[in-house]
């Protein structure tokens, strides 16, 4: 039978995993923003549009992850 200590340990591990995922999503978003900026400076309109789409999906993932932990 599971103990309260085991439950607390599992919950803490899940919290840490969620925090790590949130940090990874943030890093991906930062990279996408940098790539958009670089592509814009190069005048690569099609690339900019594609990267902005990726950036939007990253923000949706961040919002979904935040909603799970609210």
PDB file of N, CA and C in Angstrom:
ATOM      1  N   UNK A   1       0.841  -1.172   0.000  1.00  0.00           N
ATOM      2  CA  UNK A   1       0.000   0.000   0.000  1.00  0.00           C
ATOM      3  C   UNK A   1       0.890   1.241   0.000  1.00  0.00           C
ATOM      4  N   UNK A   2       0.511   2.206  -0.784  1.00  0.00           N
ATOM      5  CA  UNK A   2       1.291   3.435  -0.910  1.00  0.00           C
ATOM      6  C   UNK A   2       1.151   4.283   0.350  1.00  0.00           C
ATOM      7  N   UNK A   3       2.242   4.951   0.682  1.00  0.00           N
ATOM      8  CA  UNK A   3       2.220   5.805   1.862  1.00  0.00           C
ATOM      9  C   UNK A   3       2.095   7.267   1.452  1.00  0.00           C
ATOM     10  N   UNK A   4       1.814   8.113   2.423  1.00  0.00           N
ATOM     11  CA  UNK A   4       1.724   9.547   2.144  1.00  0.00           C
ATOM     12  C   UNK A   4       3.097  10.094   1.731  1.00  0.00           C
ATOM     13  N   UNK A   5       4.160   9.505   2.260  1.00  0.00           N
ATOM     14  CA  UNK A   5       5.508   9.925   1.857  1.00  0.00           C
ATOM     15  C   UNK A   5       5.749   9.627   0.378  1.00  0.00           C
ATOM     16  N   UNK A   6       5.292   8.459  -0.080  1.00  0.00           N
ATOM     17  CA  UNK A   6       5.443   8.108  -1.489  1.00  0.00           C
ATOM     18  C   UNK A   6       4.643   9.064  -2.371  1.00  0.00           C
ATOM     19  N   UNK A   7       3.449   9.403  -1.918  1.00  0.00           N
ATOM     20  CA  UNK A   7       2.612  10.340  -2.665  1.00  0.00           C
ATOM     21  C   UNK A   7       3.283  11.706  -2.732  1.00  0.00           C
ATOM     22  N   UNK A   8       3.791  12.175  -1.613  1.00  0.00           N
ATOM     23  CA  UNK A   8       4.463  13.475  -1.582  1.00  0.00           C
ATOM     24  C   UNK A   8       5.675  13.479  -2.502  1.00  0.00           C
ATOM     25  N   UNK A   9       6.428  12.393  -2.503  1.00  0.00           N
ATOM     26  CA  UNK A   9       7.599  12.276  -3.365  1.00  0.00           C
ATOM     27  C   UNK A   9       7.191  12.309  -4.835  1.00  0.00           C
ATOM     28  N   UNK A  10       6.140  11.586  -5.173  1.00  0.00           N
ATOM     29  CA  UNK A  10       5.659  11.553  -6.553  1.00  0.00           C
ATOM     30  C   UNK A  10       5.151  12.926  -6.986  1.00  0.00           C
ATOM     31  N   UNK A  11       4.422  13.591  -6.113  1.00  0.00           N
ATOM     32  CA  UNK A  11       3.912  14.926  -6.446  1.00  0.00           C
ATOM     33  C   UNK A  11       5.051  15.918  -6.640  1.00  0.00           C
ATOM     34  N   UNK A  12       6.064  15.831  -5.789  1.00  0.00           N
ATOM     35  CA  UNK A  12       7.211  16.722  -5.927  1.00  0.00           C
ATOM     36  C   UNK A  12       7.947  16.463  -7.236  1.00  0.00           C
ATOM     37  N   UNK A  13       8.108  15.214  -7.595  1.00  0.00           N
ATOM     38  CA  UNK A  13       8.774  14.867  -8.859  1.00  0.00           C
ATOM     39  C   UNK A  13       7.976  15.405 -10.046  1.00  0.00           C
ATOM     40  N   UNK A  14       6.656  15.293  -9.984  1.00  0.00           N
ATOM     41  CA  UNK A  14       5.809  15.814 -11.059  1.00  0.00           C
ATOM     42  C   UNK A  14       5.901  17.329 -11.153  1.00  0.00           C
ATOM     43  N   UNK A  15       5.951  18.001 -10.009  1.00  0.00           N
ATOM     44  CA  UNK A  15       6.077  19.457  -9.987  1.00  0.00           C
ATOM     45  C   UNK A  15       7.396  19.878 -10.628  1.00  0.00           C
ATOM     46  N   UNK A  16       8.458  19.188 -10.261  1.00  0.00           N
ATOM     47  CA  UNK A  16       9.769  19.503 -10.832  1.00  0.00           C
ATOM     48  C   UNK A  16       9.790  19.273 -12.341  1.00  0.00           C
ATOM     49  N   UNK A  17       9.177  18.194 -12.781  1.00  0.00           N
ATOM     50  CA  UNK A  17       9.117  17.901 -14.217  1.00  0.00           C
ATOM     51  C   UNK A  17       8.331  18.992 -14.949  1.00  0.00           C
ATOM     52  N   UNK A  18       7.245  19.449 -14.346  1.00  0.00           N
ATOM     53  CA  UNK A  18       6.438  20.512 -14.961  1.00  0.00           C
ATOM     54  C   UNK A  18       7.236  21.809 -15.044  1.00  0.00           C
ATOM     55  N   UNK A  19       7.993  22.118 -14.003  1.00  0.00           N
ATOM     56  CA  UNK A  19       8.821  23.324 -14.019  1.00  0.00           C
ATOM     57  C   UNK A  19       9.903  23.237 -15.092  1.00  0.00           C
ATOM     58  N   UNK A  20      10.496  22.065 -15.248  1.00  0.00           N
ATOM     59  CA  UNK A  20      11.515  21.872 -16.275  1.00  0.00           C
ATOM     60  C   UNK A  20      10.920  22.017 -17.675  1.00  0.00           C
ATOM     61  N   UNK A  21       9.718  21.467 -17.865  1.00  0.00           N
ATOM     62  CA  UNK A  21       9.055  21.582 -19.160  1.00  0.00           C
ATOM     63  C   UNK A  21       8.743  23.040 -19.468  1.00  0.00           C
ATOM     64  N   UNK A  22       8.274  23.770 -18.469  1.00  0.00           N
ATOM     65  CA  UNK A  22       7.974  25.192 -18.654  1.00  0.00           C
ATOM     66  C   UNK A  22       9.236  25.952 -19.037  1.00  0.00           C
ATOM     67  N   UNK A  23      10.351  25.637 -18.399  1.00  0.00           N
ATOM     68  CA  UNK A  23      11.619  26.288 -18.731  1.00  0.00           C
ATOM     69  C   UNK A  23      12.051  25.947 -20.153  1.00  0.00           C
ATOM     70  N   UNK A  24      11.878  24.696 -20.561  1.00  0.00           N
ATOM     71  CA  UNK A  24      12.247  24.285 -21.915  1.00  0.00           C
ATOM     72  C   UNK A  24      11.380  24.993 -22.955  1.00  0.00           C
ATOM     73  N   UNK A  25      10.097  25.132 -22.655  1.00  0.00           N
ATOM     74  CA  UNK A  25       9.196  25.842 -23.567  1.00  0.00           C
ATOM     75  C   UNK A  25       9.646  27.297 -23.690  1.00  0.00           C
ATOM     76  N   UNK A  26      10.016  27.904 -22.567  1.00  0.00           N
ATOM     77  CA  UNK A  26      10.497  29.285 -22.591  1.00  0.00           C
ATOM     78  C   UNK A  26      11.758  29.431 -23.422  1.00  0.00           C
ATOM     79  N   UNK A  27      12.673  28.492 -23.288  1.00  0.00           N
ATOM     80  CA  UNK A  27      13.907  28.533 -24.073  1.00  0.00           C
ATOM     81  C   UNK A  27      13.607  28.378 -25.563  1.00  0.00           C
ATOM     82  N   UNK A  28      12.669  27.513 -25.893  1.00  0.00           N
ATOM     83  CA  UNK A  28      12.285  27.328 -27.297  1.00  0.00           C
ATOM     84  C   UNK A  28      11.648  28.592 -27.851  1.00  0.00           C
ATOM     85  N   UNK A  29      10.850  29.239 -27.033  1.00  0.00           N
ATOM     86  CA  UNK A  29      10.206  30.476 -27.470  1.00  0.00           C
ATOM     87  C   UNK A  29      11.260  31.561 -27.714  1.00  0.00           C
ATOM     88  N   UNK A  30      12.226  31.659 -26.827  1.00  0.00           N
ATOM     89  CA  UNK A  30      13.303  32.645 -26.987  1.00  0.00           C
ATOM     90  C   UNK A  30      14.066  32.390 -28.291  1.00  0.00           C
ATOM     91  N   UNK A  31      14.383  31.133 -28.551  1.00  0.00           N
ATOM     92  CA  UNK A  31      15.089  30.783 -29.778  1.00  0.00           C
ATOM     93  C   UNK A  31      14.261  31.145 -31.005  1.00  0.00           C
ATOM     94  N   UNK A  32      12.968  30.852 -30.960  1.00  0.00           N
ATOM     95  CA  UNK A  32      12.090  31.185 -32.084  1.00  0.00           C
ATOM     96  C   UNK A  32      12.067  32.698 -32.319  1.00  0.00           C
ATOM     97  N   UNK A  33      12.018  33.472 -31.244  1.00  0.00           N
ATOM     98  CA  UNK A  33      12.024  34.928 -31.375  1.00  0.00           C
ATOM     99  C   UNK A  33      13.326  35.419 -32.012  1.00  0.00           C
ATOM    100  N   UNK A  34      14.441  34.829 -31.600  1.00  0.00           N
ATOM    101  CA  UNK A  34      15.735  35.212 -32.176  1.00  0.00           C
ATOM    102  C   UNK A  34      15.803  34.863 -33.653  1.00  0.00           C
ATOM    103  N   UNK A  35      15.270  33.694 -34.015  1.00  0.00           N
ATOM    104  CA  UNK A  35      15.277  33.285 -35.423  1.00  0.00           C
ATOM    105  C   UNK A  35      14.378  34.181 -36.266  1.00  0.00           C
ATOM    106  N   UNK A  36      13.231  34.587 -35.713  1.00  0.00           N
ATOM    107  CA  UNK A  36      12.345  35.506 -36.424  1.00  0.00           C
ATOM    108  C   UNK A  36      13.080  36.816 -36.695  1.00  0.00           C
ATOM    109  N   UNK A  37      13.734  37.328 -35.674  1.00  0.00           N
ATOM    110  CA  UNK A  37      14.466  38.579 -35.818  1.00  0.00           C
ATOM    111  C   UNK A  37      15.558  38.461 -36.879  1.00  0.00           C
ATOM    112  N   UNK A  38      16.305  37.356 -36.840  1.00  0.00           N
ATOM    113  CA  UNK A  38      17.369  37.145 -37.830  1.00  0.00           C
ATOM    114  C   UNK A  38      16.796  37.038 -39.243  1.00  0.00           C
ATOM    115  N   UNK A  39      15.721  36.296 -39.390  1.00  0.00           N
ATOM    116  CA  UNK A  39      15.116  36.120 -40.715  1.00  0.00           C
ATOM    117  C   UNK A  39      14.574  37.453 -41.232  1.00  0.00           C
ATOM    118  N   UNK A  40      13.997  38.245 -40.336  1.00  0.00           N
ATOM    119  CA  UNK A  40      13.483  39.551 -40.759  1.00  0.00           C
ATOM    120  C   UNK A  40      14.618  40.440 -41.250  1.00  0.00           C
ATOM    121  N   UNK A  41      15.736  40.410 -40.551  1.00  0.00           N
ATOM    122  CA  UNK A  41      16.861  41.252 -40.969  1.00  0.00           C
ATOM    123  C   UNK A  41      17.442  40.798 -42.303  1.00  0.00           C
ATOM    124  N   UNK A  42      17.254  39.533 -42.632  1.00  0.00           N
ATOM    125  CA  UNK A  42      17.728  39.014 -43.915  1.00  0.00           C
ATOM    126  C   UNK A  42      16.701  39.188 -45.036  1.00  0.00           C
ATOM    127  N   UNK A  43      15.492  39.627 -44.668  1.00  0.00           N
ATOM    128  CA  UNK A  43      14.447  39.813 -45.663  1.00  0.00           C
ATOM    129  C   UNK A  43      13.831  38.515 -46.139  1.00  0.00           C
ATOM    130  N   UNK A  44      13.850  37.497 -45.304  1.00  0.00           N
ATOM    131  CA  UNK A  44      13.306  36.188 -45.672  1.00  0.00           C
ATOM    132  C   UNK A  44      11.859  36.084 -45.189  1.00  0.00           C
ATOM    133  N   UNK A  45      10.955  36.694 -45.931  1.00  0.00           N
ATOM    134  CA  UNK A  45       9.550  36.775 -45.520  1.00  0.00           C
ATOM    135  C   UNK A  45       8.891  35.436 -45.284  1.00  0.00           C
ATOM    136  N   UNK A  46       9.121  34.465 -46.157  1.00  0.00           N
ATOM    137  CA  UNK A  46       8.501  33.149 -45.989  1.00  0.00           C
ATOM    138  C   UNK A  46       8.992  32.452 -44.737  1.00  0.00           C
ATOM    139  N   UNK A  47      10.279  32.608 -44.469  1.00  0.00           N
ATOM    140  CA  UNK A  47      10.853  32.008 -43.265  1.00  0.00           C
ATOM    141  C   UNK A  47      10.277  32.676 -42.028  1.00  0.00           C
ATOM    142  N   UNK A  48      10.119  33.994 -42.091  1.00  0.00           N
ATOM    143  CA  UNK A  48       9.556  34.740 -40.960  1.00  0.00           C
ATOM    144  C   UNK A  48       8.156  34.222 -40.639  1.00  0.00           C
ATOM    145  N   UNK A  49       7.338  34.055 -41.653  1.00  0.00           N
ATOM    146  CA  UNK A  49       5.972  33.576 -41.436  1.00  0.00           C
ATOM    147  C   UNK A  49       5.971  32.192 -40.804  1.00  0.00           C
ATOM    148  N   UNK A  50       6.825  31.322 -41.292  1.00  0.00           N
ATOM    149  CA  UNK A  50       6.898  29.963 -40.741  1.00  0.00           C
ATOM    150  C   UNK A  50       7.368  29.997 -39.290  1.00  0.00           C
ATOM    151  N   UNK A  51       8.378  30.808 -39.011  1.00  0.00           N
ATOM    152  CA  UNK A  51       8.885  30.894 -37.639  1.00  0.00           C
ATOM    153  C   UNK A  51       7.868  31.520 -36.698  1.00  0.00           C
ATOM    154  N   UNK A  52       7.118  32.497 -37.184  1.00  0.00           N
ATOM    155  CA  UNK A  52       6.088  33.089 -36.342  1.00  0.00           C
ATOM    156  C   UNK A  52       4.991  32.078 -36.025  1.00  0.00           C
ATOM    157  N   UNK A  53       4.707  31.191 -36.968  1.00  0.00           N
ATOM    158  CA  UNK A  53       3.749  30.123 -36.716  1.00  0.00           C
ATOM    159  C   UNK A  53       4.259  29.190 -35.626  1.00  0.00           C
ATOM    160  N   UNK A  54       5.543  28.866 -35.697  1.00  0.00           N
ATOM    161  CA  UNK A  54       6.150  28.027 -34.661  1.00  0.00           C
ATOM    162  C   UNK A  54       6.091  28.742 -33.318  1.00  0.00           C
ATOM    163  N   UNK A  55       6.398  30.019 -33.326  1.00  0.00           N
ATOM    164  CA  UNK A  55       6.369  30.806 -32.096  1.00  0.00           C
ATOM    165  C   UNK A  55       4.962  30.807 -31.489  1.00  0.00           C
ATOM    166  N   UNK A  56       3.943  30.929 -32.331  1.00  0.00           N
ATOM    167  CA  UNK A  56       2.557  30.883 -31.856  1.00  0.00           C
ATOM    168  C   UNK A  56       2.237  29.536 -31.219  1.00  0.00           C
ATOM    169  N   UNK A  57       2.702  28.458 -31.838  1.00  0.00           N
ATOM    170  CA  UNK A  57       2.448  27.126 -31.282  1.00  0.00           C
ATOM    171  C   UNK A  57       3.171  26.924 -29.963  1.00  0.00           C
ATOM    172  N   UNK A  58       4.364  27.487 -29.845  1.00  0.00           N
ATOM    173  CA  UNK A  58       5.082  27.402 -28.578  1.00  0.00           C
ATOM    174  C   UNK A  58       4.307  28.138 -27.492  1.00  0.00           C
ATOM    175  N   UNK A  59       3.782  29.307 -27.821  1.00  0.00           N
ATOM    176  CA  UNK A  59       2.999  30.069 -26.833  1.00  0.00           C
ATOM    177  C   UNK A  59       1.740  29.299 -26.438  1.00  0.00           C
ATOM    178  N   UNK A  60       1.113  28.624 -27.388  1.00  0.00           N
ATOM    179  CA  UNK A  60      -0.057  27.805 -27.066  1.00  0.00           C
ATOM    180  C   UNK A  60       0.330  26.675 -26.123  1.00  0.00           C
ATOM    181  N   UNK A  61       1.487  26.071 -26.361  1.00  0.00           N
ATOM    182  CA  UNK A  61       1.961  24.997 -25.482  1.00  0.00           C
ATOM    183  C   UNK A  61       2.229  25.532 -24.088  1.00  0.00           C
ATOM    184  N   UNK A  62       2.836  26.723 -24.010  1.00  0.00           N
ATOM    185  CA  UNK A  62       3.104  27.331 -22.713  1.00  0.00           C
ATOM    186  C   UNK A  62       1.792  27.600 -21.970  1.00  0.00           C
ATOM    187  N   UNK A  63       0.819  28.136 -22.668  1.00  0.00           N
ATOM    188  CA  UNK A  63      -0.475  28.434 -22.051  1.00  0.00           C
ATOM    189  C   UNK A  63      -1.170  27.164 -21.572  1.00  0.00           C
ATOM    190  N   UNK A  64      -1.110  26.126 -22.380  1.00  0.00           N
ATOM    191  CA  UNK A  64      -1.735  24.858 -22.003  1.00  0.00           C
ATOM    192  C   UNK A  64      -1.048  24.264 -20.771  1.00  0.00           C
ATOM    193  N   UNK A  65       0.268  24.353 -20.738  1.00  0.00           N
ATOM    194  CA  UNK A  65       1.021  23.822 -19.595  1.00  0.00           C
ATOM    195  C   UNK A  65       0.721  24.627 -18.334  1.00  0.00           C
ATOM    196  N   UNK A  66       0.626  25.943 -18.479  1.00  0.00           N
ATOM    197  CA  UNK A  66       0.320  26.788 -17.337  1.00  0.00           C
ATOM    198  C   UNK A  66      -1.092  26.506 -16.815  1.00  0.00           C
ATOM    199  N   UNK A  67      -2.023  26.270 -17.729  1.00  0.00           N
ATOM    200  CA  UNK A  67      -3.400  25.993 -17.325  1.00  0.00           C
ATOM    201  C   UNK A  67      -3.498  24.676 -16.544  1.00  0.00           C
ATOM    202  N   UNK A  68      -2.658  23.716 -16.891  1.00  0.00           N
ATOM    203  CA  UNK A  68      -2.661  22.436 -16.176  1.00  0.00           C
ATOM    204  C   UNK A  68      -2.255  22.604 -14.723  1.00  0.00           C
ATOM    205  N   UNK A  69      -1.427  23.612 -14.464  1.00  0.00           N
ATOM    206  CA  UNK A  69      -0.856  23.780 -13.128  1.00  0.00           C
ATOM    207  C   UNK A  69      -1.427  24.974 -12.387  1.00  0.00           C
ATOM    208  N   UNK A  70      -2.518  25.522 -12.914  1.00  0.00           N
ATOM    209  CA  UNK A  70      -3.147  26.668 -12.251  1.00  0.00           C
ATOM    210  C   UNK A  70      -4.105  26.236 -11.179  1.00  0.00           C
TER     211      UNK A  70
END
